[in-house]
Amino acid sequence: MKVLLLALGFMVVFEGIFPLVAPELWQRSLERIAQISPETVRRAAMLMVICGLAWIWLLTSYI
């Protein structure tokens, strides 16, 4: 449970770095993402989830 909470904390930190460092660029990026079709966003998100799960699986398999 502790590892999961730490991972969520790191995720929040990483998600906050981009808008902290470059808020205007972050807003423009969000505007562009809003123009993409929901299906394309869904596919990109699915790819990210698969890559994340593969990364976790690899790390836990070899460490």
PDB file of N, CA and C in Angstrom:
ATOM      1  N   MET A   1       0.827  -1.194   0.000  1.00  0.00           N
ATOM      2  CA  MET A   1       0.000   0.000   0.000  1.00  0.00           C
ATOM      3  C   MET A   1       0.868   1.253   0.000  1.00  0.00           C
ATOM      4  N   LYS A   2       1.965   1.182   0.755  1.00  0.00           N
ATOM      5  CA  LYS A   2       2.866   2.325   0.836  1.00  0.00           C
ATOM      6  C   LYS A   2       3.459   2.649  -0.534  1.00  0.00           C
ATOM      7  N   VAL A   3       3.820   1.607  -1.281  1.00  0.00           N
ATOM      8  CA  VAL A   3       4.407   1.808  -2.607  1.00  0.00           C
ATOM      9  C   VAL A   3       3.385   2.454  -3.540  1.00  0.00           C
ATOM     10  N   LEU A   4       2.141   2.024  -3.467  1.00  0.00           N
ATOM     11  CA  LEU A   4       1.094   2.598  -4.309  1.00  0.00           C
ATOM     12  C   LEU A   4       0.894   4.077  -3.990  1.00  0.00           C
ATOM     13  N   LEU A   5       0.869   4.415  -2.717  1.00  0.00           N
ATOM     14  CA  LEU A   5       0.706   5.813  -2.323  1.00  0.00           C
ATOM     15  C   LEU A   5       1.899   6.658  -2.759  1.00  0.00           C
ATOM     16  N   LEU A   6       3.102   6.095  -2.647  1.00  0.00           N
ATOM     17  CA  LEU A   6       4.281   6.804  -3.132  1.00  0.00           C
ATOM     18  C   LEU A   6       4.209   7.023  -4.642  1.00  0.00           C
ATOM     19  N   ALA A   7       3.784   6.004  -5.368  1.00  0.00           N
ATOM     20  CA  ALA A   7       3.651   6.126  -6.823  1.00  0.00           C
ATOM     21  C   ALA A   7       2.639   7.208  -7.183  1.00  0.00           C
ATOM     22  N   LEU A   8       1.524   7.260  -6.492  1.00  0.00           N
ATOM     23  CA  LEU A   8       0.528   8.293  -6.750  1.00  0.00           C
ATOM     24  C   LEU A   8       1.080   9.680  -6.436  1.00  0.00           C
ATOM     25  N   GLY A   9       1.861   9.779  -5.368  1.00  0.00           N
ATOM     26  CA  GLY A   9       2.498  11.051  -5.032  1.00  0.00           C
ATOM     27  C   GLY A   9       3.461  11.504  -6.116  1.00  0.00           C
ATOM     28  N   PHE A  10       4.273  10.576  -6.620  1.00  0.00           N
ATOM     29  CA  PHE A  10       5.190  10.911  -7.708  1.00  0.00           C
ATOM     30  C   PHE A  10       4.421  11.318  -8.963  1.00  0.00           C
ATOM     31  N   MET A  11       3.314  10.646  -9.235  1.00  0.00           N
ATOM     32  CA  MET A  11       2.513  10.986 -10.397  1.00  0.00           C
ATOM     33  C   MET A  11       2.007  12.429 -10.285  1.00  0.00           C
ATOM     34  N   VAL A  12       1.534  12.808  -9.109  1.00  0.00           N
ATOM     35  CA  VAL A  12       1.041  14.167  -8.910  1.00  0.00           C
ATOM     36  C   VAL A  12       2.171  15.179  -9.107  1.00  0.00           C
ATOM     37  N   VAL A  13       3.347  14.873  -8.592  1.00  0.00           N
ATOM     38  CA  VAL A  13       4.500  15.764  -8.769  1.00  0.00           C
ATOM     39  C   VAL A  13       4.840  15.912 -10.243  1.00  0.00           C
ATOM     40  N   PHE A  14       4.955  14.804 -10.961  1.00  0.00           N
ATOM     41  CA  PHE A  14       5.300  14.856 -12.382  1.00  0.00           C
ATOM     42  C   PHE A  14       4.226  15.565 -13.198  1.00  0.00           C
ATOM     43  N   GLU A  15       2.958  15.335 -12.870  1.00  0.00           N
ATOM     44  CA  GLU A  15       1.874  16.003 -13.583  1.00  0.00           C
ATOM     45  C   GLU A  15       1.887  17.512 -13.330  1.00  0.00           C
ATOM     46  N   GLY A  16       2.391  17.929 -12.189  1.00  0.00           N
ATOM     47  CA  GLY A  16       2.413  19.353 -11.854  1.00  0.00           C
ATOM     48  C   GLY A  16       3.622  20.107 -12.362  1.00  0.00           C
ATOM     49  N   ILE A  17       4.668  19.400 -12.780  1.00  0.00           N
ATOM     50  CA  ILE A  17       5.894  20.079 -13.218  1.00  0.00           C
ATOM     51  C   ILE A  17       5.656  20.898 -14.482  1.00  0.00           C
ATOM     52  N   PHE A  18       5.010  20.320 -15.485  1.00  0.00           N
ATOM     53  CA  PHE A  18       4.814  21.000 -16.770  1.00  0.00           C
ATOM     54  C   PHE A  18       4.021  22.302 -16.602  1.00  0.00           C
ATOM     55  N   PRO A  19       2.846  22.297 -15.949  1.00  0.00           N
ATOM     56  CA  PRO A  19       2.131  23.569 -15.786  1.00  0.00           C
ATOM     57  C   PRO A  19       2.861  24.558 -14.878  1.00  0.00           C
ATOM     58  N   LEU A  20       3.704  24.075 -13.988  1.00  0.00           N
ATOM     59  CA  LEU A  20       4.472  24.966 -13.128  1.00  0.00           C
ATOM     60  C   LEU A  20       5.564  25.686 -13.910  1.00  0.00           C
ATOM     61  N   VAL A  21       6.262  24.945 -14.756  1.00  0.00           N
ATOM     62  CA  VAL A  21       7.402  25.493 -15.494  1.00  0.00           C
ATOM     63  C   VAL A  21       6.958  26.308 -16.714  1.00  0.00           C
ATOM     64  N   ALA A  22       5.944  25.831 -17.437  1.00  0.00           N
ATOM     65  CA  ALA A  22       5.512  26.489 -18.672  1.00  0.00           C
ATOM     66  C   ALA A  22       3.986  26.509 -18.751  1.00  0.00           C
ATOM     67  N   PRO A  23       3.336  27.365 -17.962  1.00  0.00           N
ATOM     68  CA  PRO A  23       1.873  27.343 -17.923  1.00  0.00           C
ATOM     69  C   PRO A  23       1.213  27.708 -19.258  1.00  0.00           C
ATOM     70  N   GLU A  24       1.796  28.649 -19.997  1.00  0.00           N
ATOM     71  CA  GLU A  24       1.193  29.027 -21.287  1.00  0.00           C
ATOM     72  C   GLU A  24       1.264  27.867 -22.280  1.00  0.00           C
ATOM     73  N   LEU A  25       2.405  27.221 -22.353  1.00  0.00           N
ATOM     74  CA  LEU A  25       2.566  26.073 -23.249  1.00  0.00           C
ATOM     75  C   LEU A  25       1.636  24.935 -22.840  1.00  0.00           C
ATOM     76  N   TRP A  26       1.485  24.740 -21.546  1.00  0.00           N
ATOM     77  CA  TRP A  26       0.587  23.709 -21.031  1.00  0.00           C
ATOM     78  C   TRP A  26      -0.855  23.989 -21.457  1.00  0.00           C
ATOM     79  N   GLN A  27      -1.275  25.257 -21.363  1.00  0.00           N
ATOM     80  CA  GLN A  27      -2.635  25.615 -21.758  1.00  0.00           C
ATOM     81  C   GLN A  27      -2.845  25.421 -23.255  1.00  0.00           C
ATOM     82  N   ARG A  28      -1.861  25.816 -24.055  1.00  0.00           N
ATOM     83  CA  ARG A  28      -1.979  25.614 -25.499  1.00  0.00           C
ATOM     84  C   ARG A  28      -2.051  24.130 -25.832  1.00  0.00           C
ATOM     85  N   SER A  29      -1.284  23.322 -25.109  1.00  0.00           N
ATOM     86  CA  SER A  29      -1.316  21.870 -25.335  1.00  0.00           C
ATOM     87  C   SER A  29      -2.694  21.312 -25.018  1.00  0.00           C
ATOM     88  N   LEU A  30      -3.287  21.769 -23.933  1.00  0.00           N
ATOM     89  CA  LEU A  30      -4.633  21.309 -23.575  1.00  0.00           C
ATOM     90  C   LEU A  30      -5.655  21.730 -24.626  1.00  0.00           C
ATOM     91  N   GLU A  31      -5.503  22.927 -25.170  1.00  0.00           N
ATOM     92  CA  GLU A  31      -6.418  23.377 -26.218  1.00  0.00           C
ATOM     93  C   GLU A  31      -6.300  22.488 -27.457  1.00  0.00           C
ATOM     94  N   ARG A  32      -5.082  22.111 -27.802  1.00  0.00           N
ATOM     95  CA  ARG A  32      -4.883  21.226 -28.957  1.00  0.00           C
ATOM     96  C   ARG A  32      -5.456  19.838 -28.683  1.00  0.00           C
ATOM     97  N   ILE A  33      -5.249  19.339 -27.490  1.00  0.00           N
ATOM     98  CA  ILE A  33      -5.780  18.021 -27.134  1.00  0.00           C
ATOM     99  C   ILE A  33      -7.306  18.035 -27.192  1.00  0.00           C
ATOM    100  N   ALA A  34      -7.921  19.151 -26.794  1.00  0.00           N
ATOM    101  CA  ALA A  34      -9.385  19.251 -26.810  1.00  0.00           C
ATOM    102  C   ALA A  34      -9.932  19.171 -28.233  1.00  0.00           C
ATOM    103  N   GLN A  35      -9.112  19.485 -29.218  1.00  0.00           N
ATOM    104  CA  GLN A  35      -9.557  19.447 -30.612  1.00  0.00           C
ATOM    105  C   GLN A  35      -9.444  18.048 -31.230  1.00  0.00           C
ATOM    106  N   ILE A  36      -8.749  17.154 -30.566  1.00  0.00           N
ATOM    107  CA  ILE A  36      -8.570  15.794 -31.073  1.00  0.00           C
ATOM    108  C   ILE A  36      -9.835  14.987 -30.783  1.00  0.00           C
ATOM    109  N   SER A  37     -10.155  14.085 -31.666  1.00  0.00           N
ATOM    110  CA  SER A  37     -11.360  13.275 -31.472  1.00  0.00           C
ATOM    111  C   SER A  37     -11.232  12.398 -30.224  1.00  0.00           C
ATOM    112  N   PRO A  38     -12.349  12.151 -29.557  1.00  0.00           N
ATOM    113  CA  PRO A  38     -12.319  11.314 -28.359  1.00  0.00           C
ATOM    114  C   PRO A  38     -11.736   9.918 -28.626  1.00  0.00           C
ATOM    115  N   GLU A  39     -12.002   9.370 -29.796  1.00  0.00           N
ATOM    116  CA  GLU A  39     -11.475   8.039 -30.114  1.00  0.00           C
ATOM    117  C   GLU A  39      -9.951   8.048 -30.169  1.00  0.00           C
ATOM    118  N   THR A  40      -9.363   9.090 -30.733  1.00  0.00           N
ATOM    119  CA  THR A  40      -7.906   9.203 -30.792  1.00  0.00           C
ATOM    120  C   THR A  40      -7.321   9.363 -29.395  1.00  0.00           C
ATOM    121  N   VAL A  41      -7.980  10.162 -28.571  1.00  0.00           N
ATOM    122  CA  VAL A  41      -7.528  10.333 -27.181  1.00  0.00           C
ATOM    123  C   VAL A  41      -7.609   9.002 -26.445  1.00  0.00           C
ATOM    124  N   ARG A  42      -8.690   8.273 -26.667  1.00  0.00           N
ATOM    125  CA  ARG A  42      -8.874   6.972 -26.014  1.00  0.00           C
ATOM    126  C   ARG A  42      -7.767   5.997 -26.432  1.00  0.00           C
ATOM    127  N   ARG A  43      -7.436   5.977 -27.712  1.00  0.00           N
ATOM    128  CA  ARG A  43      -6.375   5.082 -28.191  1.00  0.00           C
ATOM    129  C   ARG A  43      -5.013   5.459 -27.611  1.00  0.00           C
ATOM    130  N   ALA A  44      -4.734   6.760 -27.554  1.00  0.00           N
ATOM    131  CA  ALA A  44      -3.465   7.206 -26.968  1.00  0.00           C
ATOM    132  C   ALA A  44      -3.397   6.832 -25.488  1.00  0.00           C
ATOM    133  N   ALA A  45      -4.507   7.005 -24.782  1.00  0.00           N
ATOM    134  CA  ALA A  45      -4.553   6.654 -23.364  1.00  0.00           C
ATOM    135  C   ALA A  45      -4.375   5.151 -23.166  1.00  0.00           C
ATOM    136  N   MET A  46      -4.993   4.358 -24.046  1.00  0.00           N
ATOM    137  CA  MET A  46      -4.851   2.902 -23.958  1.00  0.00           C
ATOM    138  C   MET A  46      -3.388   2.497 -24.167  1.00  0.00           C
ATOM    139  N   LEU A  47      -2.739   3.127 -25.129  1.00  0.00           N
ATOM    140  CA  LEU A  47      -1.329   2.849 -25.371  1.00  0.00           C
ATOM    141  C   LEU A  47      -0.474   3.216 -24.156  1.00  0.00           C
ATOM    142  N   MET A  48      -0.790   4.347 -23.530  1.00  0.00           N
ATOM    143  CA  MET A  48      -0.049   4.759 -22.333  1.00  0.00           C
ATOM    144  C   MET A  48      -0.245   3.767 -21.192  1.00  0.00           C
ATOM    145  N   VAL A  49      -1.473   3.294 -21.012  1.00  0.00           N
ATOM    146  CA  VAL A  49      -1.754   2.323 -19.951  1.00  0.00           C
ATOM    147  C   VAL A  49      -1.006   1.019 -20.211  1.00  0.00           C
ATOM    148  N   ILE A  50      -1.029   0.558 -21.450  1.00  0.00           N
ATOM    149  CA  ILE A  50      -0.325  -0.677 -21.799  1.00  0.00           C
ATOM    150  C   ILE A  50       1.176  -0.524 -21.561  1.00  0.00           C
ATOM    151  N   CYS A  51       1.733   0.599 -22.000  1.00  0.00           N
ATOM    152  CA  CYS A  51       3.171   0.831 -21.784  1.00  0.00           C
ATOM    153  C   CYS A  51       3.497   0.910 -20.288  1.00  0.00           C
ATOM    154  N   GLY A  52       2.648   1.578 -19.527  1.00  0.00           N
ATOM    155  CA  GLY A  52       2.871   1.669 -18.082  1.00  0.00           C
ATOM    156  C   GLY A  52       2.806   0.317 -17.400  1.00  0.00           C
ATOM    157  N   LEU A  53       1.830  -0.481 -17.776  1.00  0.00           N
ATOM    158  CA  LEU A  53       1.726  -1.825 -17.195  1.00  0.00           C
ATOM    159  C   LEU A  53       2.913  -2.699 -17.590  1.00  0.00           C
ATOM    160  N   ALA A  54       3.356  -2.578 -18.840  1.00  0.00           N
ATOM    161  CA  ALA A  54       4.538  -3.333 -19.279  1.00  0.00           C
ATOM    162  C   ALA A  54       5.764  -2.901 -18.488  1.00  0.00           C
ATOM    163  N   TRP A  55       5.896  -1.608 -18.267  1.00  0.00           N
ATOM    164  CA  TRP A  55       7.031  -1.076 -17.497  1.00  0.00           C
ATOM    165  C   TRP A  55       7.007  -1.632 -16.069  1.00  0.00           C
ATOM    166  N   ILE A  56       5.850  -1.593 -15.452  1.00  0.00           N
ATOM    167  CA  ILE A  56       5.715  -2.119 -14.092  1.00  0.00           C
ATOM    168  C   ILE A  56       6.020  -3.609 -14.071  1.00  0.00           C
ATOM    169  N   TRP A  57       5.489  -4.338 -15.037  1.00  0.00           N
ATOM    170  CA  TRP A  57       5.735  -5.778 -15.096  1.00  0.00           C
ATOM    171  C   TRP A  57       7.224  -6.063 -15.257  1.00  0.00           C
ATOM    172  N   LEU A  58       7.881  -5.344 -16.150  1.00  0.00           N
ATOM    173  CA  LEU A  58       9.321  -5.560 -16.347  1.00  0.00           C
ATOM    174  C   LEU A  58      10.119  -5.252 -15.095  1.00  0.00           C
ATOM    175  N   LEU A  59       9.790  -4.142 -14.447  1.00  0.00           N
ATOM    176  CA  LEU A  59      10.523  -3.772 -13.242  1.00  0.00           C
ATOM    177  C   LEU A  59      10.320  -4.780 -12.114  1.00  0.00           C
ATOM    178  N   THR A  60       9.091  -5.244 -11.952  1.00  0.00           N
ATOM    179  CA  THR A  60       8.831  -6.180 -10.857  1.00  0.00           C
ATOM    180  C   THR A  60       9.341  -7.588 -11.194  1.00  0.00           C
ATOM    181  N   SER A  61       9.505  -7.903 -12.469  1.00  0.00           N
ATOM    182  CA  SER A  61      10.004  -9.218 -12.854  1.00  0.00           C
ATOM    183  C   SER A  61      11.500  -9.358 -12.638  1.00  0.00           C
ATOM    184  N   TYR A  62      12.222  -8.273 -12.844  1.00  0.00           N
ATOM    185  CA  TYR A  62      13.684  -8.347 -12.838  1.00  0.00           C
ATOM    186  C   TYR A  62      14.323  -7.713 -11.623  1.00  0.00           C
ATOM    187  N   ILE A  63      13.537  -7.145 -10.737  1.00  0.00           N
ATOM    188  CA  ILE A  63      14.128  -6.532  -9.532  1.00  0.00           C
ATOM    189  C   ILE A  63      13.742  -7.345  -8.319  1.00  0.00           C
TER     190      ILE A  63
END
